[in-house]
Amino acid sequence: MTLASAATLASTGETAGSIALAIAGIAFVLAGIVLFIAGVVSVFRSGNYQSGGKAVWILLMLAFPFLGPVTWFIWGRNSTIQGPAQPV
């Protein structure tokens, strides 16, 4: 094996690694976009919140594009808002 062929093999390995890293990055970004869109649609379809509560959740998702939708799907989606106590 000559020095030139060893350099070519190293270059090919670096290129394959770069391509794999780029594909993983693109997949991560696409997953984040899908999660964000699914979260926004889920907030709009939710019957648990009035328009003000929905606006707060949408603003949280805009401020924290990954953490906001994850928080919505874990805690916000199934939560219910309790109104003021009814007098006896």
Protein backbone atom coordinates (compact mmCIF):
# COMPACT_ATOMS: atom_id res chain seq x y z
CA MET A 1 0.00 0.00 0.00
CA THR A 2 1.45 3.33 -0.97
CA LEU A 3 1.15 6.55 0.91
CA ALA A 4 -1.13 8.01 -1.78
CA SER A 5 -3.61 5.12 -1.54
CA ALA A 6 -3.64 5.37 2.26
CA ALA A 7 -4.47 9.08 1.98
CA THR A 8 -7.27 8.28 -0.46
CA LEU A 9 -8.77 5.72 1.94
CA ALA A 10 -8.61 8.19 4.83
CA SER A 11 -10.25 10.86 2.68
CA THR A 12 -13.02 8.46 1.66
CA GLY A 13 -13.66 7.55 5.30
CA GLU A 14 -13.85 11.19 6.30
CA THR A 15 -16.27 11.89 3.47
CA ALA A 16 -18.51 8.98 4.47
CA GLY A 17 -18.50 10.20 8.06
CA SER A 18 -19.38 13.72 6.96
CA ILE A 19 -22.24 12.45 4.84
CA ALA A 20 -23.56 10.31 7.70
CA LEU A 21 -23.37 13.27 10.07
CA ALA A 22 -25.18 15.50 7.57
CA ILE A 23 -27.95 12.93 7.11
CA ALA A 24 -28.35 12.58 10.88
CA GLY A 25 -28.52 16.35 11.25
CA ILE A 26 -31.13 16.68 8.52
CA ALA A 27 -33.19 13.87 10.10
CA PHE A 28 -33.01 15.60 13.49
CA VAL A 29 -34.13 18.94 12.02
CA LEU A 30 -37.00 17.30 10.10
CA ALA A 31 -38.13 15.46 13.24
CA GLY A 32 -38.13 18.76 15.14
CA ILE A 33 -40.21 20.44 12.42
CA VAL A 34 -42.72 17.58 12.41
CA LEU A 35 -42.93 17.67 16.22
CA PHE A 36 -43.49 21.45 16.16
CA ILE A 37 -46.24 21.24 13.52
CA ALA A 38 -47.94 18.33 15.32
CA GLY A 39 -47.85 20.29 18.58
CA VAL A 40 -49.38 23.40 17.03
CA VAL A 41 -52.15 21.37 15.36
CA SER A 42 -52.81 19.53 18.62
CA VAL A 43 -53.12 22.81 20.54
CA PHE A 44 -55.58 24.20 18.00
CA ARG A 45 -57.70 21.04 18.18
CA SER A 46 -57.68 20.88 21.99
CA GLY A 47 -60.98 21.43 23.73
CA ASN A 48 -59.39 21.85 27.16
CA TYR A 49 -58.29 25.45 26.60
CA GLN A 50 -59.92 28.68 25.51
CA SER A 51 -58.22 30.91 22.96
CA GLY A 52 -56.02 32.61 25.60
CA GLY A 53 -54.63 29.30 26.87
CA LYS A 54 -54.04 28.11 23.33
CA ALA A 55 -52.19 31.34 22.54
CA VAL A 56 -49.91 30.82 25.55
CA TRP A 57 -49.08 27.29 24.43
CA ILE A 58 -48.39 28.45 20.86
CA LEU A 59 -46.11 31.22 22.18
CA LEU A 60 -44.25 28.67 24.31
CA MET A 61 -43.78 26.47 21.26
CA LEU A 62 -42.48 29.41 19.24
CA ALA A 63 -40.08 30.40 22.03
CA PHE A 64 -38.86 26.84 22.61
CA PRO A 65 -39.32 24.95 19.31
CA PHE A 66 -38.27 21.54 20.66
CA LEU A 67 -39.04 21.76 24.37
CA GLY A 68 -42.43 23.47 23.90
CA PRO A 69 -44.09 20.68 21.88
CA VAL A 70 -42.54 17.99 24.09
CA THR A 71 -43.96 19.74 27.17
CA TRP A 72 -47.35 20.05 25.48
CA PHE A 73 -47.50 16.35 24.65
CA ILE A 74 -46.37 15.29 28.14
CA TRP A 75 -48.35 17.67 30.37
CA GLY A 76 -50.52 20.13 28.47
CA ARG A 77 -52.55 17.95 26.18
CA ASN A 78 -54.38 16.00 28.87
CA SER A 79 -54.58 18.74 31.49
CA THR A 80 -57.85 20.37 32.37
CA ILE A 81 -58.35 23.91 33.55
CA GLN A 82 -60.40 24.32 36.68
CA GLY A 83 -62.63 27.33 36.69
CA PRO A 84 -63.49 29.40 39.76
CA ALA A 85 -65.06 27.54 42.66
CA GLN A 86 -68.82 27.34 42.51
CA PRO A 87 -70.57 28.93 45.51
CA VAL A 88 -72.49 26.51 47.68
